[in-house]
């Protein structure tokens, strides 16, 4: 329970910092990019390093990188099917989540296991 409270407090503080940073940057499209993911990742890694050690935090960081690589594959497929092929957005996005899962699973099996 204490770890969750720490994660919420640290994550919230870092989200606020990145939101302020995004507020001064241009274009304003950077606001979403800087607001959520980096702050949650930093809070998680900080908590993992302080409670479970640097080796566990390194494993967490590698897992985050693998998930991001899988997300890039998902995003590229979404751009192709939605932007170029003009497919319907809801079914395409949902079906492409399977691609994200397959890519993440392949990265886990090939790199992290």
PDB file of N, CA and C in Angstrom:
ATOM      1  N   UNK A   1       0.828  -1.200   0.000  1.00  0.00           N
ATOM      2  CA  UNK A   1       0.000   0.000   0.000  1.00  0.00           C
ATOM      3  C   UNK A   1       0.864   1.251   0.000  1.00  0.00           C
ATOM      4  N   UNK A   2       1.936   1.226   0.794  1.00  0.00           N
ATOM      5  CA  UNK A   2       2.823   2.378   0.847  1.00  0.00           C
ATOM      6  C   UNK A   2       3.506   2.616  -0.495  1.00  0.00           C
ATOM      7  N   UNK A   3       3.881   1.523  -1.179  1.00  0.00           N
ATOM      8  CA  UNK A   3       4.508   1.669  -2.492  1.00  0.00           C
ATOM      9  C   UNK A   3       3.565   2.333  -3.483  1.00  0.00           C
ATOM     10  N   UNK A   4       2.287   1.962  -3.442  1.00  0.00           N
ATOM     11  CA  UNK A   4       1.314   2.568  -4.348  1.00  0.00           C
ATOM     12  C   UNK A   4       1.159   4.059  -4.052  1.00  0.00           C
ATOM     13  N   UNK A   5       1.143   4.430  -2.785  1.00  0.00           N
ATOM     14  CA  UNK A   5       1.023   5.843  -2.429  1.00  0.00           C
ATOM     15  C   UNK A   5       2.252   6.616  -2.903  1.00  0.00           C
ATOM     16  N   UNK A   6       3.423   6.024  -2.726  1.00  0.00           N
ATOM     17  CA  UNK A   6       4.644   6.687  -3.193  1.00  0.00           C
ATOM     18  C   UNK A   6       4.607   6.845  -4.704  1.00  0.00           C
ATOM     19  N   UNK A   7       4.183   5.790  -5.400  1.00  0.00           N
ATOM     20  CA  UNK A   7       4.109   5.850  -6.859  1.00  0.00           C
ATOM     21  C   UNK A   7       3.151   6.951  -7.308  1.00  0.00           C
ATOM     22  N   UNK A   8       1.998   7.072  -6.637  1.00  0.00           N
ATOM     23  CA  UNK A   8       1.040   8.115  -7.002  1.00  0.00           C
ATOM     24  C   UNK A   8       1.608   9.507  -6.748  1.00  0.00           C
ATOM     25  N   UNK A   9       2.258   9.699  -5.612  1.00  0.00           N
ATOM     26  CA  UNK A   9       2.798  11.016  -5.275  1.00  0.00           C
ATOM     27  C   UNK A   9       3.945  11.395  -6.213  1.00  0.00           C
ATOM     28  N   UNK A  10       4.898  10.478  -6.373  1.00  0.00           N
ATOM     29  CA  UNK A  10       6.041  10.766  -7.250  1.00  0.00           C
ATOM     30  C   UNK A  10       5.559  10.927  -8.687  1.00  0.00           C
ATOM     31  N   UNK A  11       4.683  10.022  -9.135  1.00  0.00           N
ATOM     32  CA  UNK A  11       4.145  10.126 -10.494  1.00  0.00           C
ATOM     33  C   UNK A  11       3.397  11.431 -10.711  1.00  0.00           C
ATOM     34  N   UNK A  12       2.597  11.819  -9.750  1.00  0.00           N
ATOM     35  CA  UNK A  12       1.859  13.075  -9.867  1.00  0.00           C
ATOM     36  C   UNK A  12       2.767  14.286  -9.911  1.00  0.00           C
ATOM     37  N   UNK A  13       3.822  14.266  -9.100  1.00  0.00           N
ATOM     38  CA  UNK A  13       4.774  15.383  -9.117  1.00  0.00           C
ATOM     39  C   UNK A  13       5.498  15.465 -10.460  1.00  0.00           C
ATOM     40  N   UNK A  14       5.879  14.313 -10.981  1.00  0.00           N
ATOM     41  CA  UNK A  14       6.598  14.323 -12.260  1.00  0.00           C
ATOM     42  C   UNK A  14       5.651  14.673 -13.403  1.00  0.00           C
ATOM     43  N   UNK A  15       4.394  14.216 -13.337  1.00  0.00           N
ATOM     44  CA  UNK A  15       3.407  14.607 -14.349  1.00  0.00           C
ATOM     45  C   UNK A  15       3.243  16.118 -14.343  1.00  0.00           C
ATOM     46  N   UNK A  16       3.163  16.709 -13.155  1.00  0.00           N
ATOM     47  CA  UNK A  16       3.022  18.160 -13.061  1.00  0.00           C
ATOM     48  C   UNK A  16       4.228  18.875 -13.657  1.00  0.00           C
ATOM     49  N   UNK A  17       5.425  18.359 -13.376  1.00  0.00           N
ATOM     50  CA  UNK A  17       6.633  18.961 -13.944  1.00  0.00           C
ATOM     51  C   UNK A  17       6.621  18.891 -15.462  1.00  0.00           C
ATOM     52  N   UNK A  18       6.304  17.720 -16.010  1.00  0.00           N
ATOM     53  CA  UNK A  18       6.282  17.583 -17.463  1.00  0.00           C
ATOM     54  C   UNK A  18       5.154  18.403 -18.087  1.00  0.00           C
ATOM     55  N   UNK A  19       4.039  18.553 -17.397  1.00  0.00           N
ATOM     56  CA  UNK A  19       2.952  19.390 -17.906  1.00  0.00           C
ATOM     57  C   UNK A  19       3.393  20.848 -17.980  1.00  0.00           C
ATOM     58  N   UNK A  20       4.134  21.301 -16.952  1.00  0.00           N
ATOM     59  CA  UNK A  20       4.661  22.662 -16.993  1.00  0.00           C
ATOM     60  C   UNK A  20       5.680  22.817 -18.128  1.00  0.00           C
ATOM     61  N   UNK A  21       6.526  21.805 -18.312  1.00  0.00           N
ATOM     62  CA  UNK A  21       7.497  21.830 -19.395  1.00  0.00           C
ATOM     63  C   UNK A  21       6.798  21.879 -20.745  1.00  0.00           C
ATOM     64  N   UNK A  22       5.767  21.073 -20.908  1.00  0.00           N
ATOM     65  CA  UNK A  22       5.029  21.049 -22.170  1.00  0.00           C
ATOM     66  C   UNK A  22       4.297  22.350 -22.421  1.00  0.00           C
ATOM     67  N   UNK A  23       3.943  23.049 -21.346  1.00  0.00           N
ATOM     68  CA  UNK A  23       3.226  24.313 -21.493  1.00  0.00           C
ATOM     69  C   UNK A  23       4.102  25.390 -22.125  1.00  0.00           C
ATOM     70  N   UNK A  24       5.412  25.320 -21.907  1.00  0.00           N
ATOM     71  CA  UNK A  24       6.290  26.342 -22.471  1.00  0.00           C
ATOM     72  C   UNK A  24       6.852  25.942 -23.826  1.00  0.00           C
ATOM     73  N   UNK A  25       6.728  24.668 -24.197  1.00  0.00           N
ATOM     74  CA  UNK A  25       7.240  24.222 -25.490  1.00  0.00           C
ATOM     75  C   UNK A  25       6.225  24.464 -26.599  1.00  0.00           C
ATOM     76  N   UNK A  26       6.741  24.595 -27.789  1.00  0.00           N
ATOM     77  CA  UNK A  26       5.876  24.759 -28.961  1.00  0.00           C
ATOM     78  C   UNK A  26       6.269  23.708 -29.969  1.00  0.00           C
ATOM     79  N   UNK A  27       5.420  23.074 -30.705  1.00  0.00           N
ATOM     80  CA  UNK A  27       3.966  23.217 -30.697  1.00  0.00           C
ATOM     81  C   UNK A  27       3.342  22.555 -29.478  1.00  0.00           C
ATOM     82  N   UNK A  28       2.113  22.903 -29.232  1.00  0.00           N
ATOM     83  CA  UNK A  28       1.422  22.402 -28.050  1.00  0.00           C
ATOM     84  C   UNK A  28       1.136  20.906 -28.131  1.00  0.00           C
ATOM     85  N   UNK A  29       1.339  20.280 -29.282  1.00  0.00           N
ATOM     86  CA  UNK A  29       1.162  18.842 -29.420  1.00  0.00           C
ATOM     87  C   UNK A  29       2.115  18.054 -28.549  1.00  0.00           C
ATOM     88  N   UNK A  30       3.194  18.695 -28.082  1.00  0.00           N
ATOM     89  CA  UNK A  30       4.133  18.023 -27.203  1.00  0.00           C
ATOM     90  C   UNK A  30       3.561  17.810 -25.807  1.00  0.00           C
ATOM     91  N   UNK A  31       2.479  18.486 -25.475  1.00  0.00           N
ATOM     92  CA  UNK A  31       1.940  18.404 -24.117  1.00  0.00           C
ATOM     93  C   UNK A  31       1.577  16.971 -23.735  1.00  0.00           C
ATOM     94  N   UNK A  32       0.877  16.271 -24.598  1.00  0.00           N
ATOM     95  CA  UNK A  32       0.505  14.899 -24.305  1.00  0.00           C
ATOM     96  C   UNK A  32       1.706  13.977 -24.252  1.00  0.00           C
ATOM     97  N   UNK A  33       2.681  14.247 -25.092  1.00  0.00           N
ATOM     98  CA  UNK A  33       3.881  13.423 -25.140  1.00  0.00           C
ATOM     99  C   UNK A  33       4.658  13.508 -23.845  1.00  0.00           C
ATOM    100  N   UNK A  34       4.758  14.701 -23.285  1.00  0.00           N
ATOM    101  CA  UNK A  34       5.543  14.897 -22.077  1.00  0.00           C
ATOM    102  C   UNK A  34       4.743  14.721 -20.791  1.00  0.00           C
ATOM    103  N   UNK A  35       3.434  14.604 -20.875  1.00  0.00           N
ATOM    104  CA  UNK A  35       2.633  14.610 -19.655  1.00  0.00           C
ATOM    105  C   UNK A  35       2.565  13.266 -18.947  1.00  0.00           C
ATOM    106  N   UNK A  36       2.369  12.170 -19.661  1.00  0.00           N
ATOM    107  CA  UNK A  36       2.033  10.932 -18.969  1.00  0.00           C
ATOM    108  C   UNK A  36       3.152   9.902 -18.926  1.00  0.00           C
ATOM    109  N   UNK A  37       3.518   9.379 -20.060  1.00  0.00           N
ATOM    110  CA  UNK A  37       4.398   8.202 -20.083  1.00  0.00           C
ATOM    111  C   UNK A  37       5.747   8.417 -19.408  1.00  0.00           C
ATOM    112  N   UNK A  38       6.471   9.487 -19.686  1.00  0.00           N
ATOM    113  CA  UNK A  38       7.772   9.627 -19.026  1.00  0.00           C
ATOM    114  C   UNK A  38       7.658   9.731 -17.510  1.00  0.00           C
ATOM    115  N   UNK A  39       6.634  10.391 -17.039  1.00  0.00           N
ATOM    116  CA  UNK A  39       6.508  10.568 -15.594  1.00  0.00           C
ATOM    117  C   UNK A  39       6.165   9.265 -14.893  1.00  0.00           C
ATOM    118  N   UNK A  40       5.293   8.478 -15.474  1.00  0.00           N
ATOM    119  CA  UNK A  40       4.946   7.194 -14.864  1.00  0.00           C
ATOM    120  C   UNK A  40       6.152   6.257 -14.917  1.00  0.00           C
ATOM    121  N   UNK A  41       6.873   6.263 -16.024  1.00  0.00           N
ATOM    122  CA  UNK A  41       8.067   5.418 -16.137  1.00  0.00           C
ATOM    123  C   UNK A  41       9.117   5.823 -15.111  1.00  0.00           C
ATOM    124  N   UNK A  42       9.345   7.113 -14.955  1.00  0.00           N
ATOM    125  CA  UNK A  42      10.333   7.567 -13.971  1.00  0.00           C
ATOM    126  C   UNK A  42       9.917   7.220 -12.552  1.00  0.00           C
ATOM    127  N   UNK A  43       8.645   7.373 -12.248  1.00  0.00           N
ATOM    128  CA  UNK A  43       8.163   7.021 -10.907  1.00  0.00           C
ATOM    129  C   UNK A  43       8.324   5.524 -10.658  1.00  0.00           C
ATOM    130  N   UNK A  44       7.992   4.715 -11.645  1.00  0.00           N
ATOM    131  CA  UNK A  44       8.111   3.268 -11.503  1.00  0.00           C
ATOM    132  C   UNK A  44       9.561   2.849 -11.333  1.00  0.00           C
ATOM    133  N   UNK A  45      10.449   3.409 -12.152  1.00  0.00           N
ATOM    134  CA  UNK A  45      11.864   3.058 -12.054  1.00  0.00           C
ATOM    135  C   UNK A  45      12.477   3.532 -10.741  1.00  0.00           C
ATOM    136  N   UNK A  46      12.093   4.700 -10.279  1.00  0.00           N
ATOM    137  CA  UNK A  46      12.594   5.198  -8.999  1.00  0.00           C
ATOM    138  C   UNK A  46      12.155   4.288  -7.858  1.00  0.00           C
ATOM    139  N   UNK A  47      10.899   3.920  -7.868  1.00  0.00           N
ATOM    140  CA  UNK A  47      10.383   3.035  -6.824  1.00  0.00           C
ATOM    141  C   UNK A  47      11.038   1.661  -6.908  1.00  0.00           C
ATOM    142  N   UNK A  48      11.215   1.133  -8.114  1.00  0.00           N
ATOM    143  CA  UNK A  48      11.847  -0.182  -8.269  1.00  0.00           C
ATOM    144  C   UNK A  48      13.299  -0.152  -7.803  1.00  0.00           C
ATOM    145  N   UNK A  49      14.000   0.918  -8.117  1.00  0.00           N
ATOM    146  CA  UNK A  49      15.414   1.010  -7.715  1.00  0.00           C
ATOM    147  C   UNK A  49      15.562   1.138  -6.203  1.00  0.00           C
ATOM    148  N   UNK A  50      14.670   1.878  -5.570  1.00  0.00           N
ATOM    149  CA  UNK A  50      14.807   2.077  -4.132  1.00  0.00           C
ATOM    150  C   UNK A  50      14.325   0.881  -3.322  1.00  0.00           C
ATOM    151  N   UNK A  51      13.346   0.150  -3.821  1.00  0.00           N
ATOM    152  CA  UNK A  51      12.819  -0.971  -3.050  1.00  0.00           C
ATOM    153  C   UNK A  51      13.440  -2.313  -3.417  1.00  0.00           C
ATOM    154  N   UNK A  52      13.754  -2.516  -4.703  1.00  0.00           N
ATOM    155  CA  UNK A  52      14.209  -3.833  -5.148  1.00  0.00           C
ATOM    156  C   UNK A  52      15.627  -3.842  -5.706  1.00  0.00           C
ATOM    157  N   UNK A  53      16.270  -2.694  -5.801  1.00  0.00           N
ATOM    158  CA  UNK A  53      17.647  -2.643  -6.263  1.00  0.00           C
ATOM    159  C   UNK A  53      17.774  -2.280  -7.732  1.00  0.00           C
ATOM    160  N   UNK A  54      18.998  -1.974  -8.114  1.00  0.00           N
ATOM    161  CA  UNK A  54      19.250  -1.494  -9.471  1.00  0.00           C
ATOM    162  C   UNK A  54      19.113  -2.588 -10.523  1.00  0.00           C
ATOM    163  N   UNK A  55      19.385  -3.850 -10.176  1.00  0.00           N
ATOM    164  CA  UNK A  55      19.236  -4.933 -11.157  1.00  0.00           C
ATOM    165  C   UNK A  55      17.768  -5.093 -11.558  1.00  0.00           C
ATOM    166  N   UNK A  56      16.880  -5.010 -10.581  1.00  0.00           N
ATOM    167  CA  UNK A  56      15.451  -5.114 -10.892  1.00  0.00           C
ATOM    168  C   UNK A  56      14.980  -3.895 -11.691  1.00  0.00           C
ATOM    169  N   UNK A  57      15.477  -2.723 -11.339  1.00  0.00           N
ATOM    170  CA  UNK A  57      15.111  -1.513 -12.083  1.00  0.00           C
ATOM    171  C   UNK A  57      15.605  -1.596 -13.525  1.00  0.00           C
ATOM    172  N   UNK A  58      16.783  -2.194 -13.739  1.00  0.00           N
ATOM    173  CA  UNK A  58      17.296  -2.367 -15.100  1.00  0.00           C
ATOM    174  C   UNK A  58      16.396  -3.309 -15.896  1.00  0.00           C
ATOM    175  N   UNK A  59      15.920  -4.368 -15.263  1.00  0.00           N
ATOM    176  CA  UNK A  59      14.994  -5.284 -15.935  1.00  0.00           C
ATOM    177  C   UNK A  59      13.693  -4.567 -16.284  1.00  0.00           C
ATOM    178  N   UNK A  60      13.206  -3.756 -15.367  1.00  0.00           N
ATOM    179  CA  UNK A  60      11.999  -2.966 -15.629  1.00  0.00           C
ATOM    180  C   UNK A  60      12.217  -2.011 -16.807  1.00  0.00           C
ATOM    181  N   UNK A  61      13.376  -1.378 -16.858  1.00  0.00           N
ATOM    182  CA  UNK A  61      13.676  -0.449 -17.949  1.00  0.00           C
ATOM    183  C   UNK A  61      13.735  -1.182 -19.283  1.00  0.00           C
ATOM    184  N   UNK A  62      14.352  -2.361 -19.315  1.00  0.00           N
ATOM    185  CA  UNK A  62      14.391  -3.138 -20.554  1.00  0.00           C
ATOM    186  C   UNK A  62      12.983  -3.544 -20.978  1.00  0.00           C
ATOM    187  N   UNK A  63      12.150  -3.887 -20.020  1.00  0.00           N
ATOM    188  CA  UNK A  63      10.773  -4.254 -20.333  1.00  0.00           C
ATOM    189  C   UNK A  63      10.012  -3.062 -20.916  1.00  0.00           C
ATOM    190  N   UNK A  64      10.250  -1.879 -20.360  1.00  0.00           N
ATOM    191  CA  UNK A  64       9.601  -0.673 -20.884  1.00  0.00           C
ATOM    192  C   UNK A  64      10.051  -0.386 -22.307  1.00  0.00           C
ATOM    193  N   UNK A  65      11.319  -0.577 -22.584  1.00  0.00           N
ATOM    194  CA  UNK A  65      11.839  -0.352 -23.933  1.00  0.00           C
ATOM    195  C   UNK A  65      11.216  -1.347 -24.913  1.00  0.00           C
ATOM    196  N   UNK A  66      11.120  -2.608 -24.510  1.00  0.00           N
ATOM    197  CA  UNK A  66      10.507  -3.616 -25.377  1.00  0.00           C
ATOM    198  C   UNK A  66       9.042  -3.278 -25.646  1.00  0.00           C
ATOM    199  N   UNK A  67       8.326  -2.838 -24.632  1.00  0.00           N
ATOM    200  CA  UNK A  67       6.935  -2.436 -24.818  1.00  0.00           C
ATOM    201  C   UNK A  67       6.817  -1.245 -25.751  1.00  0.00           C
ATOM    202  N   UNK A  68       7.764  -0.321 -25.667  1.00  0.00           N
ATOM    203  CA  UNK A  68       7.736   0.847 -26.543  1.00  0.00           C
ATOM    204  C   UNK A  68       8.029   0.473 -27.988  1.00  0.00           C
ATOM    205  N   UNK A  69       8.959  -0.442 -28.199  1.00  0.00           N
ATOM    206  CA  UNK A  69       9.237  -0.906 -29.559  1.00  0.00           C
ATOM    207  C   UNK A  69       7.983  -1.560 -30.147  1.00  0.00           C
ATOM    208  N   UNK A  70       7.300  -2.369 -29.345  1.00  0.00           N
ATOM    209  CA  UNK A  70       6.054  -2.983 -29.803  1.00  0.00           C
ATOM    210  C   UNK A  70       5.005  -1.916 -30.082  1.00  0.00           C
ATOM    211  N   UNK A  71       4.968  -0.868 -29.268  1.00  0.00           N
ATOM    212  CA  UNK A  71       4.008   0.218 -29.499  1.00  0.00           C
ATOM    213  C   UNK A  71       4.306   0.970 -30.788  1.00  0.00           C
ATOM    214  N   UNK A  72       5.580   1.133 -31.120  1.00  0.00           N
ATOM    215  CA  UNK A  72       5.938   1.801 -32.375  1.00  0.00           C
ATOM    216  C   UNK A  72       5.426   0.981 -33.562  1.00  0.00           C
ATOM    217  N   UNK A  73       5.530  -0.348 -33.473  1.00  0.00           N
ATOM    218  CA  UNK A  73       4.981  -1.203 -34.528  1.00  0.00           C
ATOM    219  C   UNK A  73       3.464  -1.020 -34.632  1.00  0.00           C
ATOM    220  N   UNK A  74       2.794  -0.954 -33.498  1.00  0.00           N
ATOM    221  CA  UNK A  74       1.348  -0.722 -33.469  1.00  0.00           C
ATOM    222  C   UNK A  74       1.002   0.636 -34.090  1.00  0.00           C
ATOM    223  N   UNK A  75       1.741   1.673 -33.694  1.00  0.00           N
ATOM    224  CA  UNK A  75       1.461   3.018 -34.201  1.00  0.00           C
ATOM    225  C   UNK A  75       1.713   3.110 -35.703  1.00  0.00           C
ATOM    226  N   UNK A  76       2.787   2.480 -36.176  1.00  0.00           N
ATOM    227  CA  UNK A  76       3.083   2.501 -37.612  1.00  0.00           C
ATOM    228  C   UNK A  76       1.986   1.774 -38.395  1.00  0.00           C
ATOM    229  N   UNK A  77       1.519   0.653 -37.868  1.00  0.00           N
ATOM    230  CA  UNK A  77       0.435  -0.071 -38.536  1.00  0.00           C
ATOM    231  C   UNK A  77      -0.848   0.757 -38.532  1.00  0.00           C
ATOM    232  N   UNK A  78      -1.121   1.466 -37.439  1.00  0.00           N
ATOM    233  CA  UNK A  78      -2.299   2.345 -37.386  1.00  0.00           C
ATOM    234  C   UNK A  78      -2.198   3.454 -38.423  1.00  0.00           C
ATOM    235  N   UNK A  79      -1.033   4.055 -38.544  1.00  0.00           N
ATOM    236  CA  UNK A  79      -0.841   5.110 -39.548  1.00  0.00           C
ATOM    237  C   UNK A  79      -1.091   4.557 -40.942  1.00  0.00           C
ATOM    238  N   UNK A  80      -0.557   3.378 -41.212  1.00  0.00           N
ATOM    239  CA  UNK A  80      -0.732   2.787 -42.535  1.00  0.00           C
ATOM    240  C   UNK A  80      -2.202   2.490 -42.821  1.00  0.00           C
ATOM    241  N   UNK A  81      -2.842   1.751 -41.923  1.00  0.00           N
ATOM    242  CA  UNK A  81      -4.212   1.323 -42.200  1.00  0.00           C
ATOM    243  C   UNK A  81      -5.230   2.456 -42.083  1.00  0.00           C
ATOM    244  N   UNK A  82      -5.018   3.393 -41.167  1.00  0.00           N
ATOM    245  CA  UNK A  82      -5.979   4.480 -40.995  1.00  0.00           C
ATOM    246  C   UNK A  82      -5.686   5.652 -41.928  1.00  0.00           C
ATOM    247  N   UNK A  83      -4.404   5.995 -42.061  1.00  0.00           N
ATOM    248  CA  UNK A  83      -4.056   7.169 -42.859  1.00  0.00           C
ATOM    249  C   UNK A  83      -3.920   6.909 -44.334  1.00  0.00           C
ATOM    250  N   UNK A  84      -3.441   5.734 -44.704  1.00  0.00           N
ATOM    251  CA  UNK A  84      -3.197   5.448 -46.113  1.00  0.00           C
ATOM    252  C   UNK A  84      -4.325   4.597 -46.702  1.00  0.00           C
ATOM    253  N   UNK A  85      -4.709   3.555 -45.992  1.00  0.00           N
ATOM    254  CA  UNK A  85      -5.745   2.657 -46.503  1.00  0.00           C
ATOM    255  C   UNK A  85      -7.157   3.117 -46.141  1.00  0.00           C
ATOM    256  N   UNK A  86      -7.289   4.089 -45.250  1.00  0.00           N
ATOM    257  CA  UNK A  86      -8.576   4.665 -44.825  1.00  0.00           C
ATOM    258  C   UNK A  86      -9.536   3.606 -44.286  1.00  0.00           C
ATOM    259  N   UNK A  87      -9.022   2.725 -43.451  1.00  0.00           N
ATOM    260  CA  UNK A  87      -9.857   1.706 -42.810  1.00  0.00           C
ATOM    261  C   UNK A  87     -10.662   2.359 -41.681  1.00  0.00           C
ATOM    262  N   UNK A  88     -11.671   1.652 -41.222  1.00  0.00           N
ATOM    263  CA  UNK A  88     -12.483   2.160 -40.102  1.00  0.00           C
ATOM    264  C   UNK A  88     -11.628   2.158 -38.837  1.00  0.00           C
ATOM    265  N   UNK A  89     -11.721   3.227 -38.078  1.00  0.00           N
ATOM    266  CA  UNK A  89     -10.771   3.426 -36.979  1.00  0.00           C
ATOM    267  C   UNK A  89     -10.953   2.473 -35.802  1.00  0.00           C
ATOM    268  N   UNK A  90     -12.154   2.295 -35.303  1.00  0.00           N
ATOM    269  CA  UNK A  90     -12.330   1.475 -34.104  1.00  0.00           C
ATOM    270  C   UNK A  90     -11.941   0.013 -34.329  1.00  0.00           C
ATOM    271  N   UNK A  91     -12.458  -0.659 -35.377  1.00  0.00           N
ATOM    272  CA  UNK A  91     -12.059  -2.055 -35.546  1.00  0.00           C
ATOM    273  C   UNK A  91     -10.577  -2.212 -35.872  1.00  0.00           C
ATOM    274  N   UNK A  92     -10.035  -1.281 -36.628  1.00  0.00           N
ATOM    275  CA  UNK A  92      -8.619  -1.362 -36.979  1.00  0.00           C
ATOM    276  C   UNK A  92      -7.749  -1.220 -35.742  1.00  0.00           C
ATOM    277  N   UNK A  93      -8.040  -0.224 -34.917  1.00  0.00           N
ATOM    278  CA  UNK A  93      -7.240  -0.013 -33.708  1.00  0.00           C
ATOM    279  C   UNK A  93      -7.333  -1.209 -32.771  1.00  0.00           C
ATOM    280  N   UNK A  94      -8.514  -1.764 -32.626  1.00  0.00           N
ATOM    281  CA  UNK A  94      -8.679  -2.911 -31.735  1.00  0.00           C
ATOM    282  C   UNK A  94      -7.958  -4.133 -32.291  1.00  0.00           C
ATOM    283  N   UNK A  95      -8.103  -4.395 -33.578  1.00  0.00           N
ATOM    284  CA  UNK A  95      -7.441  -5.556 -34.171  1.00  0.00           C
ATOM    285  C   UNK A  95      -5.914  -5.415 -34.146  1.00  0.00           C
ATOM    286  N   UNK A  96      -5.432  -4.198 -34.310  1.00  0.00           N
ATOM    287  CA  UNK A  96      -3.991  -4.002 -34.298  1.00  0.00           C
ATOM    288  C   UNK A  96      -3.398  -4.126 -32.896  1.00  0.00           C
ATOM    289  N   UNK A  97      -4.238  -4.108 -31.879  1.00  0.00           N
ATOM    290  CA  UNK A  97      -3.732  -4.379 -30.536  1.00  0.00           C
ATOM    291  C   UNK A  97      -3.131  -5.784 -30.469  1.00  0.00           C
ATOM    292  N   UNK A  98      -3.659  -6.688 -31.296  1.00  0.00           N
ATOM    293  CA  UNK A  98      -3.077  -8.033 -31.364  1.00  0.00           C
ATOM    294  C   UNK A  98      -1.641  -7.954 -31.878  1.00  0.00           C
ATOM    295  N   UNK A  99      -1.382  -7.054 -32.832  1.00  0.00           N
ATOM    296  CA  UNK A  99      -0.015  -6.855 -33.323  1.00  0.00           C
ATOM    297  C   UNK A  99       0.894  -6.387 -32.199  1.00  0.00           C
ATOM    298  N   UNK A 100       0.393  -5.464 -31.397  1.00  0.00           N
ATOM    299  CA  UNK A 100       1.170  -4.971 -30.265  1.00  0.00           C
ATOM    300  C   UNK A 100       1.497  -6.123 -29.312  1.00  0.00           C
ATOM    301  N   UNK A 101       0.500  -6.923 -29.004  1.00  0.00           N
ATOM    302  CA  UNK A 101       0.716  -8.059 -28.124  1.00  0.00           C
ATOM    303  C   UNK A 101       1.693  -9.070 -28.697  1.00  0.00           C
ATOM    304  N   UNK A 102       1.578  -9.356 -29.994  1.00  0.00           N
ATOM    305  CA  UNK A 102       2.505 -10.300 -30.628  1.00  0.00           C
ATOM    306  C   UNK A 102       3.927  -9.751 -30.636  1.00  0.00           C
ATOM    307  N   UNK A 103       4.065  -8.480 -30.961  1.00  0.00           N
ATOM    308  CA  UNK A 103       5.405  -7.883 -30.984  1.00  0.00           C
ATOM    309  C   UNK A 103       6.012  -7.859 -29.587  1.00  0.00           C
ATOM    310  N   UNK A 104       5.219  -7.508 -28.601  1.00  0.00           N
ATOM    311  CA  UNK A 104       5.734  -7.495 -27.223  1.00  0.00           C
ATOM    312  C   UNK A 104       6.084  -8.904 -26.766  1.00  0.00           C
ATOM    313  N   UNK A 105       5.251  -9.870 -27.106  1.00  0.00           N
ATOM    314  CA  UNK A 105       5.526 -11.254 -26.742  1.00  0.00           C
ATOM    315  C   UNK A 105       6.788 -11.776 -27.425  1.00  0.00           C
ATOM    316  N   UNK A 106       6.977 -11.424 -28.687  1.00  0.00           N
ATOM    317  CA  UNK A 106       8.171 -11.850 -29.405  1.00  0.00           C
ATOM    318  C   UNK A 106       9.418 -11.208 -28.813  1.00  0.00           C
ATOM    319  N   UNK A 107       9.341  -9.940 -28.475  1.00  0.00           N
ATOM    320  CA  UNK A 107      10.479  -9.280 -27.854  1.00  0.00           C
ATOM    321  C   UNK A 107      10.785  -9.884 -26.490  1.00  0.00           C
ATOM    322  N   UNK A 108       9.741 -10.197 -25.737  1.00  0.00           N
ATOM    323  CA  UNK A 108       9.953 -10.817 -24.431  1.00  0.00           C
ATOM    324  C   UNK A 108      10.625 -12.182 -24.598  1.00  0.00           C
ATOM    325  N   UNK A 109      10.124 -12.973 -25.528  1.00  0.00           N
ATOM    326  CA  UNK A 109      10.670 -14.315 -25.721  1.00  0.00           C
ATOM    327  C   UNK A 109      12.103 -14.273 -26.275  1.00  0.00           C
ATOM    328  N   UNK A 110      12.361 -13.286 -27.135  1.00  0.00           N
ATOM    329  CA  UNK A 110      13.675 -13.240 -27.779  1.00  0.00           C
ATOM    330  C   UNK A 110      14.732 -12.492 -27.007  1.00  0.00           C
ATOM    331  N   UNK A 111      14.329 -11.479 -26.259  1.00  0.00           N
ATOM    332  CA  UNK A 111      15.323 -10.613 -25.624  1.00  0.00           C
ATOM    333  C   UNK A 111      15.304 -10.721 -24.098  1.00  0.00           C
ATOM    334  N   UNK A 112      14.144 -10.694 -23.515  1.00  0.00           N
ATOM    335  CA  UNK A 112      14.046 -10.558 -22.066  1.00  0.00           C
ATOM    336  C   UNK A 112      14.020 -11.877 -21.303  1.00  0.00           C
ATOM    337  N   UNK A 113      13.730 -12.963 -21.993  1.00  0.00           N
ATOM    338  CA  UNK A 113      13.643 -14.227 -21.249  1.00  0.00           C
ATOM    339  C   UNK A 113      14.989 -14.919 -21.142  1.00  0.00           C
TER     340      UNK A 113
END
